[in-house]
Amino acid sequence: MSTHKLDLHDIYNRGEEIDRALQEAMEFCAERRIGLLEIIPGKGSGQLKMKVLRFLQQPQVKRTYHRIDKDRDNHGRLFVRFRH
């Protein structure tokens, strides 16, 4: 299964850029039929991870993927699984 990776460390404090980066990554995976998007919000305070999860829970976004998995070993990483 092919994977695309989105590291949010560089834009952690820029809300609009985070949403844009997430949207672009989701579209990239859909267009190329990539099965897994790895999102790295980092560990920090957990605020960025919560922002990412809120983005992914929006109805128009939620219908584009199959499920979200949290990395058991690394709290600063999420996996979005697509069904193509």
PDB file of N, CA and C in Angstrom:
ATOM      1  N   MET A   1       0.843  -1.175   0.000  1.00  0.00           N
ATOM      2  CA  MET A   1       0.000   0.000   0.000  1.00  0.00           C
ATOM      3  C   MET A   1       0.892   1.243   0.000  1.00  0.00           C
ATOM      4  N   SER A   2       0.559   2.184  -0.849  1.00  0.00           N
ATOM      5  CA  SER A   2       1.369   3.398  -0.900  1.00  0.00           C
ATOM      6  C   SER A   2       0.926   4.367   0.203  1.00  0.00           C
ATOM      7  N   THR A   3       1.888   5.169   0.646  1.00  0.00           N
ATOM      8  CA  THR A   3       1.671   6.088   1.761  1.00  0.00           C
ATOM      9  C   THR A   3       2.132   7.487   1.374  1.00  0.00           C
ATOM     10  N   HIS A   4       1.394   8.473   1.837  1.00  0.00           N
ATOM     11  CA  HIS A   4       1.788   9.878   1.691  1.00  0.00           C
ATOM     12  C   HIS A   4       1.958  10.419   3.112  1.00  0.00           C
ATOM     13  N   LYS A   5       2.952  11.293   3.313  1.00  0.00           N
ATOM     14  CA  LYS A   5       3.264  11.789   4.652  1.00  0.00           C
ATOM     15  C   LYS A   5       3.096  13.308   4.700  1.00  0.00           C
ATOM     16  N   LEU A   6       2.432  13.792   5.733  1.00  0.00           N
ATOM     17  CA  LEU A   6       2.258  15.228   5.954  1.00  0.00           C
ATOM     18  C   LEU A   6       2.775  15.557   7.343  1.00  0.00           C
ATOM     19  N   ASP A   7       3.867  16.317   7.393  1.00  0.00           N
ATOM     20  CA  ASP A   7       4.467  16.738   8.665  1.00  0.00           C
ATOM     21  C   ASP A   7       4.067  18.188   8.923  1.00  0.00           C
ATOM     22  N   LEU A   8       3.367  18.433  10.006  1.00  0.00           N
ATOM     23  CA  LEU A   8       2.847  19.767  10.309  1.00  0.00           C
ATOM     24  C   LEU A   8       3.740  20.575  11.251  1.00  0.00           C
ATOM     25  N   HIS A   9       4.906  20.093  11.577  1.00  0.00           N
ATOM     26  CA  HIS A   9       5.779  20.795  12.519  1.00  0.00           C
ATOM     27  C   HIS A   9       6.077  22.236  12.088  1.00  0.00           C
ATOM     28  N   ASP A  10       6.312  22.452  10.801  1.00  0.00           N
ATOM     29  CA  ASP A  10       6.714  23.782  10.332  1.00  0.00           C
ATOM     30  C   ASP A  10       5.598  24.816  10.351  1.00  0.00           C
ATOM     31  N   ILE A  11       4.342  24.373  10.339  1.00  0.00           N
ATOM     32  CA  ILE A  11       3.228  25.326  10.277  1.00  0.00           C
ATOM     33  C   ILE A  11       2.284  25.172  11.475  1.00  0.00           C
ATOM     34  N   TYR A  12       2.796  24.670  12.572  1.00  0.00           N
ATOM     35  CA  TYR A  12       1.966  24.315  13.723  1.00  0.00           C
ATOM     36  C   TYR A  12       1.132  25.465  14.271  1.00  0.00           C
ATOM     37  N   ASN A  13       1.531  26.704  14.046  1.00  0.00           N
ATOM     38  CA  ASN A  13       0.800  27.828  14.641  1.00  0.00           C
ATOM     39  C   ASN A  13       0.078  28.681  13.599  1.00  0.00           C
ATOM     40  N   ARG A  14      -0.123  28.157  12.407  1.00  0.00           N
ATOM     41  CA  ARG A  14      -0.797  28.911  11.336  1.00  0.00           C
ATOM     42  C   ARG A  14      -2.046  28.155  10.880  1.00  0.00           C
ATOM     43  N   GLY A  15      -3.167  28.466  11.518  1.00  0.00           N
ATOM     44  CA  GLY A  15      -4.412  27.740  11.304  1.00  0.00           C
ATOM     45  C   GLY A  15      -4.835  27.559   9.865  1.00  0.00           C
ATOM     46  N   GLU A  16      -4.844  28.636   9.082  1.00  0.00           N
ATOM     47  CA  GLU A  16      -5.286  28.533   7.690  1.00  0.00           C
ATOM     48  C   GLU A  16      -4.357  27.637   6.879  1.00  0.00           C
ATOM     49  N   GLU A  17      -3.071  27.759   7.117  1.00  0.00           N
ATOM     50  CA  GLU A  17      -2.107  26.927   6.385  1.00  0.00           C
ATOM     51  C   GLU A  17      -2.261  25.454   6.754  1.00  0.00           C
ATOM     52  N   ILE A  18      -2.589  25.190   7.997  1.00  0.00           N
ATOM     53  CA  ILE A  18      -2.796  23.803   8.436  1.00  0.00           C
ATOM     54  C   ILE A  18      -3.996  23.209   7.695  1.00  0.00           C
ATOM     55  N   ASP A  19      -5.110  23.942   7.673  1.00  0.00           N
ATOM     56  CA  ASP A  19      -6.291  23.455   6.957  1.00  0.00           C
ATOM     57  C   ASP A  19      -5.994  23.237   5.478  1.00  0.00           C
ATOM     58  N   ARG A  20      -5.288  24.180   4.879  1.00  0.00           N
ATOM     59  CA  ARG A  20      -4.944  24.062   3.456  1.00  0.00           C
ATOM     60  C   ARG A  20      -4.042  22.852   3.209  1.00  0.00           C
ATOM     61  N   ALA A  21      -3.046  22.655   4.071  1.00  0.00           N
ATOM     62  CA  ALA A  21      -2.126  21.516   3.920  1.00  0.00           C
ATOM     63  C   ALA A  21      -2.874  20.191   4.073  1.00  0.00           C
ATOM     64  N   LEU A  22      -3.801  20.133   5.036  1.00  0.00           N
ATOM     65  CA  LEU A  22      -4.592  18.919   5.229  1.00  0.00           C
ATOM     66  C   LEU A  22      -5.471  18.643   4.014  1.00  0.00           C
ATOM     67  N   GLN A  23      -6.139  19.691   3.511  1.00  0.00           N
ATOM     68  CA  GLN A  23      -7.014  19.526   2.350  1.00  0.00           C
ATOM     69  C   GLN A  23      -6.217  19.057   1.135  1.00  0.00           C
ATOM     70  N   GLU A  24      -5.064  19.676   0.909  1.00  0.00           N
ATOM     71  CA  GLU A  24      -4.225  19.301  -0.232  1.00  0.00           C
ATOM     72  C   GLU A  24      -3.736  17.859  -0.109  1.00  0.00           C
ATOM     73  N   ALA A  25      -3.369  17.444   1.089  1.00  0.00           N
ATOM     74  CA  ALA A  25      -2.897  16.077   1.298  1.00  0.00           C
ATOM     75  C   ALA A  25      -4.016  15.072   1.049  1.00  0.00           C
ATOM     76  N   MET A  26      -5.224  15.391   1.505  1.00  0.00           N
ATOM     77  CA  MET A  26      -6.369  14.501   1.291  1.00  0.00           C
ATOM     78  C   MET A  26      -6.668  14.371  -0.203  1.00  0.00           C
ATOM     79  N   GLU A  27      -6.652  15.495  -0.921  1.00  0.00           N
ATOM     80  CA  GLU A  27      -6.903  15.479  -2.361  1.00  0.00           C
ATOM     81  C   GLU A  27      -5.805  14.724  -3.102  1.00  0.00           C
ATOM     82  N   PHE A  28      -4.557  14.932  -2.683  1.00  0.00           N
ATOM     83  CA  PHE A  28      -3.417  14.244  -3.298  1.00  0.00           C
ATOM     84  C   PHE A  28      -3.618  12.732  -3.210  1.00  0.00           C
ATOM     85  N   CYS A  29      -3.990  12.257  -2.029  1.00  0.00           N
ATOM     86  CA  CYS A  29      -4.182  10.814  -1.828  1.00  0.00           C
ATOM     87  C   CYS A  29      -5.361  10.295  -2.658  1.00  0.00           C
ATOM     88  N   ALA A  30      -6.440  11.065  -2.694  1.00  0.00           N
ATOM     89  CA  ALA A  30      -7.616  10.634  -3.452  1.00  0.00           C
ATOM     90  C   ALA A  30      -7.312  10.563  -4.948  1.00  0.00           C
ATOM     91  N   GLU A  31      -6.670  11.595  -5.467  1.00  0.00           N
ATOM     92  CA  GLU A  31      -6.367  11.650  -6.903  1.00  0.00           C
ATOM     93  C   GLU A  31      -5.424  10.533  -7.337  1.00  0.00           C
ATOM     94  N   ARG A  32      -4.487  10.182  -6.489  1.00  0.00           N
ATOM     95  CA  ARG A  32      -3.473   9.185  -6.850  1.00  0.00           C
ATOM     96  C   ARG A  32      -3.786   7.797  -6.297  1.00  0.00           C
ATOM     97  N   ARG A  33      -4.961   7.675  -5.669  1.00  0.00           N
ATOM     98  CA  ARG A  33      -5.403   6.400  -5.098  1.00  0.00           C
ATOM     99  C   ARG A  33      -4.388   5.845  -4.094  1.00  0.00           C
ATOM    100  N   ILE A  34      -3.865   6.749  -3.273  1.00  0.00           N
ATOM    101  CA  ILE A  34      -2.927   6.380  -2.210  1.00  0.00           C
ATOM    102  C   ILE A  34      -3.765   5.902  -1.028  1.00  0.00           C
ATOM    103  N   GLY A  35      -3.412   4.770  -0.466  1.00  0.00           N
ATOM    104  CA  GLY A  35      -4.239   4.141   0.558  1.00  0.00           C
ATOM    105  C   GLY A  35      -4.059   4.654   1.973  1.00  0.00           C
ATOM    106  N   LEU A  36      -2.943   5.348   2.245  1.00  0.00           N
ATOM    107  CA  LEU A  36      -2.655   5.740   3.626  1.00  0.00           C
ATOM    108  C   LEU A  36      -2.010   7.115   3.661  1.00  0.00           C
ATOM    109  N   LEU A  37      -2.564   7.996   4.490  1.00  0.00           N
ATOM    110  CA  LEU A  37      -1.982   9.311   4.729  1.00  0.00           C
ATOM    111  C   LEU A  37      -1.489   9.327   6.171  1.00  0.00           C
ATOM    112  N   GLU A  38      -0.205   9.548   6.332  1.00  0.00           N
ATOM    113  CA  GLU A  38       0.396   9.658   7.667  1.00  0.00           C
ATOM    114  C   GLU A  38       0.497  11.143   7.995  1.00  0.00           C
ATOM    115  N   ILE A  39      -0.174  11.558   9.056  1.00  0.00           N
ATOM    116  CA  ILE A  39      -0.150  12.956   9.483  1.00  0.00           C
ATOM    117  C   ILE A  39       0.636  13.046  10.782  1.00  0.00           C
ATOM    118  N   ILE A  40       1.604  13.961  10.800  1.00  0.00           N
ATOM    119  CA  ILE A  40       2.455  14.120  11.978  1.00  0.00           C
ATOM    120  C   ILE A  40       2.219  15.507  12.574  1.00  0.00           C
ATOM    121  N   PRO A  41       1.304  15.598  13.549  1.00  0.00           N
ATOM    122  CA  PRO A  41       1.110  16.880  14.220  1.00  0.00           C
ATOM    123  C   PRO A  41       2.149  17.099  15.327  1.00  0.00           C
ATOM    124  N   GLY A  42       2.847  16.065  15.701  1.00  0.00           N
ATOM    125  CA  GLY A  42       3.827  16.165  16.781  1.00  0.00           C
ATOM    126  C   GLY A  42       3.170  15.933  18.133  1.00  0.00           C
ATOM    127  N   LYS A  43       3.976  15.831  19.153  1.00  0.00           N
ATOM    128  CA  LYS A  43       3.450  15.502  20.480  1.00  0.00           C
ATOM    129  C   LYS A  43       2.996  16.752  21.209  1.00  0.00           C
ATOM    130  N   GLY A  44       3.859  17.678  21.478  1.00  0.00           N
ATOM    131  CA  GLY A  44       3.505  18.954  22.099  1.00  0.00           C
ATOM    132  C   GLY A  44       2.378  18.898  23.102  1.00  0.00           C
ATOM    133  N   SER A  45       1.528  19.930  23.064  1.00  0.00           N
ATOM    134  CA  SER A  45       0.427  20.045  24.027  1.00  0.00           C
ATOM    135  C   SER A  45      -0.806  19.261  23.590  1.00  0.00           C
ATOM    136  N   GLY A  46      -0.829  18.813  22.359  1.00  0.00           N
ATOM    137  CA  GLY A  46      -1.977  18.081  21.852  1.00  0.00           C
ATOM    138  C   GLY A  46      -2.970  18.964  21.113  1.00  0.00           C
ATOM    139  N   GLN A  47      -2.749  20.278  21.123  1.00  0.00           N
ATOM    140  CA  GLN A  47      -3.663  21.210  20.456  1.00  0.00           C
ATOM    141  C   GLN A  47      -3.705  20.980  18.947  1.00  0.00           C
ATOM    142  N   LEU A  48      -2.547  20.788  18.342  1.00  0.00           N
ATOM    143  CA  LEU A  48      -2.497  20.594  16.891  1.00  0.00           C
ATOM    144  C   LEU A  48      -3.163  19.278  16.498  1.00  0.00           C
ATOM    145  N   LYS A  49      -2.931  18.244  17.282  1.00  0.00           N
ATOM    146  CA  LYS A  49      -3.564  16.955  16.998  1.00  0.00           C
ATOM    147  C   LYS A  49      -5.088  17.092  17.075  1.00  0.00           C
ATOM    148  N   MET A  50      -5.583  17.840  18.051  1.00  0.00           N
ATOM    149  CA  MET A  50      -7.028  18.057  18.178  1.00  0.00           C
ATOM    150  C   MET A  50      -7.562  18.850  16.985  1.00  0.00           C
ATOM    151  N   LYS A  51      -6.788  19.817  16.500  1.00  0.00           N
ATOM    152  CA  LYS A  51      -7.199  20.590  15.321  1.00  0.00           C
ATOM    153  C   LYS A  51      -7.302  19.672  14.105  1.00  0.00           C
ATOM    154  N   VAL A  52      -6.323  18.790  13.943  1.00  0.00           N
ATOM    155  CA  VAL A  52      -6.333  17.841  12.831  1.00  0.00           C
ATOM    156  C   VAL A  52      -7.561  16.932  12.936  1.00  0.00           C
ATOM    157  N   LEU A  53      -7.836  16.416  14.118  1.00  0.00           N
ATOM    158  CA  LEU A  53      -8.992  15.534  14.303  1.00  0.00           C
ATOM    159  C   LEU A  53     -10.306  16.271  14.034  1.00  0.00           C
ATOM    160  N   ARG A  54     -10.393  17.549  14.439  1.00  0.00           N
ATOM    161  CA  ARG A  54     -11.606  18.332  14.146  1.00  0.00           C
ATOM    162  C   ARG A  54     -11.765  18.511  12.630  1.00  0.00           C
ATOM    163  N   PHE A  55     -10.663  18.776  11.934  1.00  0.00           N
ATOM    164  CA  PHE A  55     -10.708  18.905  10.478  1.00  0.00           C
ATOM    165  C   PHE A  55     -11.228  17.613   9.856  1.00  0.00           C
ATOM    166  N   LEU A  56     -10.692  16.485  10.305  1.00  0.00           N
ATOM    167  CA  LEU A  56     -11.061  15.188   9.732  1.00  0.00           C
ATOM    168  C   LEU A  56     -12.498  14.798  10.049  1.00  0.00           C
ATOM    169  N   GLN A  57     -13.092  15.361  11.097  1.00  0.00           N
ATOM    170  CA  GLN A  57     -14.465  15.024  11.475  1.00  0.00           C
ATOM    171  C   GLN A  57     -15.521  15.847  10.729  1.00  0.00           C
ATOM    172  N   GLN A  58     -15.096  16.844   9.955  1.00  0.00           N
ATOM    173  CA  GLN A  58     -16.061  17.614   9.174  1.00  0.00           C
ATOM    174  C   GLN A  58     -16.761  16.677   8.187  1.00  0.00           C
ATOM    175  N   PRO A  59     -18.075  16.796   8.057  1.00  0.00           N
ATOM    176  CA  PRO A  59     -18.825  15.854   7.201  1.00  0.00           C
ATOM    177  C   PRO A  59     -18.294  15.738   5.769  1.00  0.00           C
ATOM    178  N   GLN A  60     -17.933  16.865   5.144  1.00  0.00           N
ATOM    179  CA  GLN A  60     -17.454  16.803   3.760  1.00  0.00           C
ATOM    180  C   GLN A  60     -16.083  16.146   3.654  1.00  0.00           C
ATOM    181  N   VAL A  61     -15.311  16.173   4.728  1.00  0.00           N
ATOM    182  CA  VAL A  61     -14.000  15.516   4.740  1.00  0.00           C
ATOM    183  C   VAL A  61     -14.174  14.048   5.125  1.00  0.00           C
ATOM    184  N   LYS A  62     -15.011  13.799   6.103  1.00  0.00           N
ATOM    185  CA  LYS A  62     -15.195  12.453   6.655  1.00  0.00           C
ATOM    186  C   LYS A  62     -15.621  11.442   5.592  1.00  0.00           C
ATOM    187  N   ARG A  63     -16.410  11.877   4.625  1.00  0.00           N
ATOM    188  CA  ARG A  63     -16.875  10.932   3.605  1.00  0.00           C
ATOM    189  C   ARG A  63     -15.797  10.585   2.577  1.00  0.00           C
ATOM    190  N   THR A  64     -14.625  11.220   2.651  1.00  0.00           N
ATOM    191  CA  THR A  64     -13.572  10.942   1.670  1.00  0.00           C
ATOM    192  C   THR A  64     -12.598   9.842   2.117  1.00  0.00           C
ATOM    193  N   TYR A  65     -12.690   9.426   3.384  1.00  0.00           N
ATOM    194  CA  TYR A  65     -11.762   8.398   3.876  1.00  0.00           C
ATOM    195  C   TYR A  65     -12.520   7.286   4.592  1.00  0.00           C
ATOM    196  N   HIS A  66     -11.802   6.196   4.833  1.00  0.00           N
ATOM    197  CA  HIS A  66     -12.405   5.027   5.470  1.00  0.00           C
ATOM    198  C   HIS A  66     -12.359   5.114   6.992  1.00  0.00           C
ATOM    199  N   ARG A  67     -11.163   5.353   7.554  1.00  0.00           N
ATOM    200  CA  ARG A  67     -11.046   5.440   9.011  1.00  0.00           C
ATOM    201  C   ARG A  67      -9.745   6.138   9.409  1.00  0.00           C
ATOM    202  N   ILE A  68      -9.679   6.502  10.688  1.00  0.00           N
ATOM    203  CA  ILE A  68      -8.478   7.121  11.267  1.00  0.00           C
ATOM    204  C   ILE A  68      -7.926   6.175  12.311  1.00  0.00           C
ATOM    205  N   ASP A  69      -6.617   5.976  12.283  1.00  0.00           N
ATOM    206  CA  ASP A  69      -5.945   5.183  13.316  1.00  0.00           C
ATOM    207  C   ASP A  69      -4.931   6.067  14.018  1.00  0.00           C
ATOM    208  N   LYS A  70      -4.857   5.924  15.338  1.00  0.00           N
ATOM    209  CA  LYS A  70      -3.832   6.613  16.110  1.00  0.00           C
ATOM    210  C   LYS A  70      -2.690   5.632  16.319  1.00  0.00           C
ATOM    211  N   ASP A  71      -1.477   6.124  16.210  1.00  0.00           N
ATOM    212  CA  ASP A  71      -0.300   5.283  16.416  1.00  0.00           C
ATOM    213  C   ASP A  71      -0.177   4.967  17.905  1.00  0.00           C
ATOM    214  N   ARG A  72      -0.221   3.686  18.246  1.00  0.00           N
ATOM    215  CA  ARG A  72      -0.126   3.287  19.667  1.00  0.00           C
ATOM    216  C   ARG A  72       1.223   3.628  20.277  1.00  0.00           C
ATOM    217  N   ASP A  73       2.270   3.606  19.465  1.00  0.00           N
ATOM    218  CA  ASP A  73       3.622   3.814  19.995  1.00  0.00           C
ATOM    219  C   ASP A  73       4.081   5.264  19.921  1.00  0.00           C
ATOM    220  N   ASN A  74       3.428   6.067  19.090  1.00  0.00           N
ATOM    221  CA  ASN A  74       3.844   7.453  18.897  1.00  0.00           C
ATOM    222  C   ASN A  74       2.596   8.337  18.921  1.00  0.00           C
ATOM    223  N   HIS A  75       2.368   9.045  20.016  1.00  0.00           N
ATOM    224  CA  HIS A  75       1.160   9.863  20.178  1.00  0.00           C
ATOM    225  C   HIS A  75       1.118  11.033  19.208  1.00  0.00           C
ATOM    226  N   GLY A  76       2.245  11.349  18.568  1.00  0.00           N
ATOM    227  CA  GLY A  76       2.310  12.483  17.650  1.00  0.00           C
ATOM    228  C   GLY A  76       2.081  12.097  16.200  1.00  0.00           C
ATOM    229  N   ARG A  77       1.352  11.002  15.974  1.00  0.00           N
ATOM    230  CA  ARG A  77       1.155  10.545  14.597  1.00  0.00           C
ATOM    231  C   ARG A  77      -0.231   9.932  14.428  1.00  0.00           C
ATOM    232  N   LEU A  78      -0.874  10.271  13.301  1.00  0.00           N
ATOM    233  CA  LEU A  78      -2.183   9.733  12.940  1.00  0.00           C
ATOM    234  C   LEU A  78      -2.101   9.122  11.546  1.00  0.00           C
ATOM    235  N   PHE A  79      -2.954   8.142  11.295  1.00  0.00           N
ATOM    236  CA  PHE A  79      -3.027   7.531   9.978  1.00  0.00           C
ATOM    237  C   PHE A  79      -4.456   7.659   9.460  1.00  0.00           C
ATOM    238  N   VAL A  80      -4.600   8.170   8.262  1.00  0.00           N
ATOM    239  CA  VAL A  80      -5.910   8.231   7.613  1.00  0.00           C
ATOM    240  C   VAL A  80      -5.910   7.167   6.536  1.00  0.00           C
ATOM    241  N   ARG A  81      -6.845   6.240   6.623  1.00  0.00           N
ATOM    242  CA  ARG A  81      -6.926   5.130   5.664  1.00  0.00           C
ATOM    243  C   ARG A  81      -8.056   5.400   4.671  1.00  0.00           C
ATOM    244  N   PHE A  82      -7.708   5.234   3.394  1.00  0.00           N
ATOM    245  CA  PHE A  82      -8.665   5.458   2.320  1.00  0.00           C
ATOM    246  C   PHE A  82      -9.137   4.145   1.751  1.00  0.00           C
ATOM    247  N   ARG A  83     -10.347   4.160   1.242  1.00  0.00           N
ATOM    248  CA  ARG A  83     -10.904   3.005   0.572  1.00  0.00           C
ATOM    249  C   ARG A  83     -11.101   3.411  -0.879  1.00  0.00           C
ATOM    250  N   HIS A  84     -10.281   2.874  -1.764  1.00  0.00           N
ATOM    251  CA  HIS A  84     -10.376   3.248  -3.188  1.00  0.00           C
ATOM    252  C   HIS A  84     -10.990   2.120  -3.988  1.00  0.00           C
TER     253      HIS A  84
END
